[in-house]
Amino acid sequence: MDLVVPDVLEESCATRRALERLAAKWRVLVVYSLLPGPQRHADLRRRLPGITQKVLTETLRGMEADGLVERRVLRETAPQHVEYELTALGHTLREPLAAICAWALEHPPAEI
């Protein structure tokens, strides 16, 4: 089977749109954090050193809007408890991301 390389420079390219959805700094790391299963906001913050609460919230909202993450309310009353989980679409990223990890291990960055 031949590899089809789309013209990702075209704005209408589906691959370009997918790359734009995933290219934000934290999105791929959030996917990795959620692969084992649902996580609460505070757990995700602990797993992602360097991310602020605001950025994590914005990232999760964007991923929810894109259909990659589902937000589930565990307790309605204050303080509200919610957890986040990858959707079926989000789980489809497992193999492509594993391929990127394999590539990174085979081609480590050159040491300075």
Protein backbone atom coordinates (compact mmCIF):
# COMPACT_ATOMS: atom_id res chain seq x y z
CA MET A 1 0.00 0.00 0.00
CA ASP A 2 1.40 3.40 -1.00
CA LEU A 3 1.59 6.16 1.56
CA VAL A 4 -0.70 9.03 0.60
CA VAL A 5 0.79 12.38 1.51
CA PRO A 6 -1.87 15.08 1.51
CA ASP A 7 -1.10 18.69 0.76
CA VAL A 8 -1.09 19.88 4.36
CA LEU A 9 -0.29 23.40 3.22
CA GLU A 10 -3.83 23.76 1.84
CA GLU A 11 -6.20 25.28 4.40
CA SER A 12 -8.96 22.85 3.41
CA CYS A 13 -6.78 19.77 3.99
CA ALA A 14 -8.27 17.44 6.62
CA THR A 15 -4.79 16.45 7.78
CA ARG A 16 -3.87 20.08 8.34
CA ARG A 17 -7.02 20.62 10.40
CA ALA A 18 -6.19 17.52 12.47
CA LEU A 19 -2.64 18.73 13.06
CA GLU A 20 -3.97 22.12 14.15
CA ARG A 21 -6.29 20.37 16.65
CA LEU A 22 -3.42 18.42 18.19
CA ALA A 23 -0.51 20.83 17.82
CA ALA A 24 -1.30 22.91 20.89
CA LYS A 25 1.48 22.43 23.44
CA TRP A 26 -0.48 20.48 26.05
CA ARG A 27 -3.02 18.49 24.04
CA VAL A 28 -0.89 15.46 23.29
CA LEU A 29 0.31 15.34 26.90
CA VAL A 30 -3.29 15.47 28.13
CA VAL A 31 -4.10 12.56 25.81
CA TYR A 32 -1.20 10.58 27.28
CA SER A 33 -2.38 11.43 30.80
CA LEU A 34 -5.89 10.18 30.04
CA LEU A 35 -4.94 6.97 28.23
CA PRO A 36 -4.96 4.88 31.46
CA GLY A 37 -8.48 6.07 32.32
CA PRO A 38 -10.54 8.94 33.74
CA GLN A 39 -8.74 11.61 35.76
CA ARG A 40 -9.86 14.51 37.89
CA HIS A 41 -8.58 18.02 37.17
CA ALA A 42 -6.21 18.03 40.16
CA ASP A 43 -4.78 14.65 39.15
CA LEU A 44 -4.09 15.93 35.64
CA ARG A 45 -2.34 19.00 37.07
CA ARG A 46 -0.07 16.75 39.13
CA ARG A 47 0.70 14.57 36.10
CA LEU A 48 1.51 17.61 33.93
CA PRO A 49 4.18 19.67 35.70
CA GLY A 50 4.34 23.19 34.36
CA ILE A 51 0.73 23.52 33.22
CA THR A 52 -1.35 26.18 34.95
CA GLN A 53 -4.88 25.58 36.14
CA LYS A 54 -6.17 28.09 33.58
CA VAL A 55 -4.33 26.50 30.65
CA LEU A 56 -5.40 23.00 31.68
CA THR A 57 -9.04 24.13 31.88
CA GLU A 58 -8.83 25.83 28.48
CA THR A 59 -7.12 22.79 26.96
CA LEU A 60 -9.73 20.38 28.32
CA ARG A 61 -12.58 22.61 27.12
CA GLY A 62 -11.10 22.77 23.64
CA MET A 63 -10.56 19.02 23.56
CA GLU A 64 -14.13 18.49 24.73
CA ALA A 65 -15.38 20.78 21.95
CA ASP A 66 -13.31 18.76 19.45
CA GLY A 67 -14.85 15.51 20.72
CA LEU A 68 -11.60 14.12 22.14
CA VAL A 69 -12.48 14.36 25.83
CA GLU A 70 -15.65 13.85 27.83
CA ARG A 71 -16.29 15.82 31.02
CA ARG A 72 -18.34 13.99 33.63
CA VAL A 73 -19.76 15.66 36.74
CA LEU A 74 -19.33 13.40 39.77
CA ARG A 75 -20.83 15.74 42.34
CA GLU A 76 -23.09 18.69 41.53
CA THR A 77 -22.93 20.45 44.89
CA ALA A 78 -20.07 22.70 45.89
CA PRO A 79 -17.30 21.90 45.70
CA GLN A 80 -18.17 20.33 42.37
CA HIS A 81 -16.18 17.25 41.38
CA VAL A 82 -15.61 16.40 37.71
CA GLU A 83 -13.46 13.94 35.84
CA TYR A 84 -12.23 13.82 32.30
CA GLU A 85 -11.97 10.80 30.03
CA LEU A 86 -10.93 10.22 26.46
CA THR A 87 -13.80 9.59 24.09
CA ALA A 88 -13.70 6.80 21.52
CA LEU A 89 -12.26 9.37 19.10
CA GLY A 90 -9.62 10.37 21.66
CA HIS A 91 -8.60 6.73 22.09
CA THR A 92 -7.94 6.46 18.35
CA LEU A 93 -4.88 8.65 18.95
CA ARG A 94 -3.12 5.86 20.88
CA GLU A 95 -1.52 4.19 17.85
CA PRO A 96 -0.41 7.34 16.01
CA LEU A 97 1.13 8.69 19.22
CA ALA A 98 2.83 5.36 19.89
CA ALA A 99 4.34 5.60 16.40
CA ILE A 100 5.67 9.08 17.22
CA CYS A 101 7.16 7.74 20.48
CA ALA A 102 8.85 4.90 18.60
CA TRP A 103 10.24 7.37 16.06
CA ALA A 104 11.54 9.62 18.86
CA LEU A 105 13.34 6.68 20.49
CA GLU A 106 14.96 5.73 17.18
CA HIS A 107 15.97 9.31 16.40
CA PRO A 108 16.99 11.05 19.61
CA PRO A 109 17.88 14.72 19.35
CA ALA A 110 21.54 15.38 18.71
CA GLU A 111 23.45 16.22 21.85
CA ILE A 112 25.11 19.60 21.96
